[in-house]
Amino acid sequence: MDAHQTAGDKTIKVLVWDKFVRVFHWSLVLSFTAAYLTAEYGYDEIHEWLGYFIAVLILTRLIWGFVGSKYARFSSFIFAIPAYFKNFKAIISNQHDEHYLGHNPLGGAMVFALLAGLLTLIFSGLILLGWSEYTGPVWAMGIPVSEALADFSKFVHYEVPELMLLLIAAHILGVLAAMYQHGENLVRSMFDGYKNKA
């Protein structure tokens, strides 16, 4: 465990978010924002390349979720079902019995929700590219795409981004609530990787 104590202070800081997680997080923030805006303003080719970049990011994050450092692994933020209700109650009442160095139960659930949304966008986008643009891996591998699948993929690819915005807003609200209730600068920790150990 990488930890250090601040000079003249008893606060112990622990390295929670490794460099890969931090670079992944901010790369995803920037690339998703750019992908959303390029889609809105009709920069289709740039949008497609951003989609490929996001796909690479997600693939590497999925791998890192199994082989990465302790708090990067998916196993570190999977909890028993009662823990999610307990965590929600603690946030609402601002009465916390536990301090989580990594993701709390709801934070872990949000990671899975965001990853699921992004994977849905990636696959629906690849299907649309193969069907309408005759390009991309779906087309290259000769995977047949029916009209029904194409229509469904188009609906998904146009509507899921709006759901993603709601999830992102909830994620930001959760971060702000945690910063207020625990007195931690979680934004800074996603830059330097360190959090205070209770």
Protein backbone atom coordinates (compact mmCIF):
# COMPACT_ATOMS: atom_id res chain seq x y z
CA MET A 1 0.00 0.00 0.00
CA ASP A 2 1.45 3.37 -1.03
CA ALA A 3 0.81 5.80 1.83
CA HIS A 4 2.43 8.87 3.31
CA GLN A 5 1.85 11.14 6.29
CA THR A 6 1.59 14.89 5.82
CA ALA A 7 4.37 16.79 7.63
CA GLY A 8 3.19 18.15 10.99
CA ASP A 9 -0.10 16.32 10.61
CA LYS A 10 -1.48 12.95 11.62
CA THR A 11 -3.45 12.60 8.40
CA ILE A 12 -2.42 9.53 6.44
CA LYS A 13 -2.88 9.74 2.71
CA VAL A 14 -3.27 6.51 0.77
CA LEU A 15 -2.78 6.05 -2.96
CA VAL A 16 -6.19 4.82 -4.08
CA TRP A 17 -6.48 5.67 -7.78
CA ASP A 18 -3.53 4.40 -9.78
CA LYS A 19 -2.19 6.29 -12.80
CA PHE A 20 -4.10 4.16 -15.30
CA VAL A 21 -7.44 4.86 -13.58
CA ARG A 22 -6.74 8.60 -13.44
CA VAL A 23 -5.68 8.86 -17.08
CA PHE A 24 -8.63 6.69 -18.13
CA HIS A 25 -11.10 8.80 -16.16
CA TRP A 26 -10.10 12.18 -17.58
CA SER A 27 -9.58 10.78 -21.09
CA LEU A 28 -13.12 9.40 -20.97
CA VAL A 29 -14.53 12.70 -19.68
CA LEU A 30 -12.95 14.63 -22.54
CA SER A 31 -13.62 12.09 -25.30
CA PHE A 32 -17.27 11.48 -24.33
CA THR A 33 -17.89 15.23 -24.18
CA ALA A 34 -16.28 15.67 -27.59
CA ALA A 35 -18.20 12.70 -29.05
CA TYR A 36 -21.50 14.09 -27.78
CA LEU A 37 -20.82 17.56 -29.18
CA THR A 38 -19.55 16.33 -32.55
CA ALA A 39 -22.72 14.23 -32.92
CA GLU A 40 -24.88 17.22 -32.02
CA TYR A 41 -23.18 19.50 -34.55
CA GLY A 42 -22.80 17.02 -37.38
CA TYR A 43 -19.07 16.30 -37.35
CA ASP A 44 -19.71 12.65 -38.16
CA GLU A 45 -16.20 11.56 -39.11
CA ILE A 46 -14.68 13.03 -35.95
CA HIS A 47 -17.52 11.46 -33.95
CA GLU A 48 -16.70 8.05 -35.42
CA TRP A 49 -13.00 8.29 -34.56
CA LEU A 50 -13.88 9.40 -31.04
CA GLY A 51 -16.14 6.37 -30.81
CA TYR A 52 -13.24 4.10 -31.69
CA PHE A 53 -11.06 5.84 -29.11
CA ILE A 54 -13.73 5.40 -26.43
CA ALA A 55 -14.02 1.73 -27.40
CA VAL A 56 -10.29 1.28 -26.80
CA LEU A 57 -10.57 3.09 -23.47
CA ILE A 58 -13.43 0.86 -22.33
CA LEU A 59 -11.69 -2.32 -23.46
CA THR A 60 -8.55 -1.43 -21.52
CA ARG A 61 -10.62 -0.47 -18.46
CA LEU A 62 -12.44 -3.80 -18.55
CA ILE A 63 -9.10 -5.60 -18.59
CA TRP A 64 -7.73 -3.36 -15.82
CA GLY A 65 -10.82 -4.14 -13.78
CA PHE A 66 -9.48 -7.68 -13.38
CA VAL A 67 -5.70 -7.22 -13.34
CA GLY A 68 -5.21 -3.67 -12.03
CA SER A 69 -4.42 -2.33 -8.58
CA LYS A 70 -6.65 -3.08 -5.58
CA TYR A 71 -9.12 -0.21 -5.89
CA ALA A 72 -9.24 -0.42 -9.68
CA ARG A 73 -10.52 -3.99 -9.63
CA PHE A 74 -14.23 -4.56 -10.06
CA SER A 75 -14.17 -6.96 -7.12
CA SER A 76 -13.34 -4.05 -4.80
CA PHE A 77 -16.67 -2.34 -5.42
CA ILE A 78 -19.11 -5.21 -5.62
CA PHE A 79 -21.13 -5.41 -2.42
CA ALA A 80 -23.95 -7.46 -0.90
CA ILE A 81 -27.37 -6.05 -1.79
CA PRO A 82 -28.13 -4.71 1.74
CA ALA A 83 -24.99 -2.55 1.53
CA TYR A 84 -26.51 -0.49 -1.29
CA PHE A 85 -29.58 0.37 0.79
CA LYS A 86 -27.42 1.10 3.82
CA ASN A 87 -25.18 3.38 1.76
CA PHE A 88 -28.18 5.23 0.31
CA LYS A 89 -29.65 5.73 3.79
CA ALA A 90 -26.30 6.98 5.11
CA ILE A 91 -26.05 9.57 2.31
CA ILE A 92 -29.61 10.79 2.82
CA SER A 93 -29.20 11.09 6.60
CA ASN A 94 -25.53 12.14 6.48
CA GLN A 95 -24.79 9.53 9.14
CA HIS A 96 -21.97 7.32 7.93
CA ASP A 97 -20.81 4.28 9.87
CA GLU A 98 -18.20 3.39 7.25
CA HIS A 99 -15.60 5.29 5.25
CA TYR A 100 -14.70 3.78 1.90
CA LEU A 101 -11.26 4.42 0.47
CA GLY A 102 -12.33 3.15 -2.93
CA HIS A 103 -15.84 3.28 -4.34
CA ASN A 104 -18.73 3.12 -1.93
CA PRO A 105 -21.57 0.73 -2.93
CA LEU A 106 -23.54 3.32 -4.90
CA GLY A 107 -20.36 4.66 -6.51
CA GLY A 108 -19.45 1.14 -7.62
CA ALA A 109 -22.93 0.63 -9.03
CA MET A 110 -22.57 3.89 -10.96
CA VAL A 111 -19.32 2.67 -12.54
CA PHE A 112 -21.09 -0.43 -13.83
CA ALA A 113 -24.04 1.64 -15.10
CA LEU A 114 -21.75 4.03 -16.98
CA LEU A 115 -19.72 1.19 -18.47
CA ALA A 116 -22.91 -0.56 -19.57
CA GLY A 117 -24.19 2.62 -21.20
CA LEU A 118 -20.91 3.19 -23.03
CA LEU A 119 -20.76 -0.42 -24.24
CA THR A 120 -24.32 -0.07 -25.52
CA LEU A 121 -23.33 3.06 -27.44
CA ILE A 122 -20.23 1.39 -28.86
CA PHE A 123 -22.03 -1.70 -30.13
CA SER A 124 -25.00 0.21 -31.53
CA GLY A 125 -22.61 2.63 -33.24
CA LEU A 126 -20.62 -0.21 -34.83
CA ILE A 127 -23.83 -1.80 -36.09
CA LEU A 128 -24.93 1.50 -37.64
CA LEU A 129 -21.54 2.02 -39.29
CA GLY A 130 -21.70 -1.41 -40.88
CA TRP A 131 -25.28 -0.97 -42.00
CA SER A 132 -25.30 2.59 -43.31
CA GLU A 133 -21.67 3.48 -44.02
CA TYR A 134 -20.30 0.08 -45.10
CA THR A 135 -17.33 0.47 -42.80
CA GLY A 136 -16.11 -0.66 -39.42
CA PRO A 137 -15.64 -4.12 -37.91
CA VAL A 138 -19.28 -5.23 -38.34
CA TRP A 139 -19.07 -4.62 -42.10
CA ALA A 140 -15.49 -5.97 -42.37
CA MET A 141 -16.49 -9.25 -40.72
CA GLY A 142 -19.53 -9.57 -42.98
CA ILE A 143 -22.01 -9.68 -40.10
CA PRO A 144 -25.52 -9.29 -41.57
CA VAL A 145 -27.61 -6.46 -40.15
CA SER A 146 -31.37 -6.60 -40.61
CA GLU A 147 -33.54 -3.52 -41.02
CA ALA A 148 -35.09 -4.22 -37.63
CA LEU A 149 -31.68 -4.43 -35.93
CA ALA A 150 -30.52 -1.29 -37.72
CA ASP A 151 -33.63 0.62 -36.64
CA PHE A 152 -33.24 -0.58 -33.06
CA SER A 153 -29.53 0.33 -33.05
CA LYS A 154 -30.33 3.78 -34.41
CA PHE A 155 -32.92 4.32 -31.68
CA VAL A 156 -30.49 3.15 -29.00
CA HIS A 157 -27.58 5.21 -30.32
CA TYR A 158 -29.71 8.37 -30.38
CA GLU A 159 -31.45 7.90 -27.04
CA VAL A 160 -28.84 6.35 -24.73
CA PRO A 161 -26.65 9.51 -24.73
CA GLU A 162 -29.49 11.35 -23.01
CA LEU A 163 -29.61 8.61 -20.37
CA MET A 164 -25.83 8.90 -20.05
CA LEU A 165 -26.18 12.62 -19.30
CA LEU A 166 -28.56 11.76 -16.45
CA LEU A 167 -26.12 9.18 -15.09
CA ILE A 168 -23.25 11.65 -15.34
CA ALA A 169 -25.31 14.27 -13.50
CA ALA A 170 -26.09 11.73 -10.77
CA HIS A 171 -22.39 10.82 -10.60
CA ILE A 172 -21.40 14.46 -10.17
CA LEU A 173 -24.07 14.97 -7.49
CA GLY A 174 -22.77 11.90 -5.68
CA VAL A 175 -19.22 13.23 -5.77
CA LEU A 176 -20.34 16.62 -4.47
CA ALA A 177 -22.35 14.98 -1.67
CA ALA A 178 -19.37 12.85 -0.67
CA MET A 179 -17.06 15.87 -0.72
CA TYR A 180 -19.46 17.78 1.54
CA GLN A 181 -20.21 14.92 3.93
CA HIS A 182 -16.66 13.55 4.25
CA GLY A 183 -14.69 16.77 3.78
CA GLU A 184 -12.55 15.23 1.04
CA ASN A 185 -11.49 16.78 -2.24
CA LEU A 186 -12.42 13.89 -4.51
CA VAL A 187 -11.70 15.86 -7.67
CA ARG A 188 -8.12 16.42 -6.53
CA SER A 189 -7.79 12.74 -5.64
CA MET A 190 -8.67 11.85 -9.22
CA PHE A 191 -5.66 13.93 -10.27
CA ASP A 192 -3.06 12.90 -7.67
CA GLY A 193 -4.57 9.54 -6.70
CA TYR A 194 -4.51 10.05 -2.91
CA LYS A 195 -7.33 9.97 -0.38
CA ASN A 196 -7.30 10.46 3.38
CA LYS A 197 -7.40 7.29 5.44
CA ALA A 198 -9.95 7.53 8.24
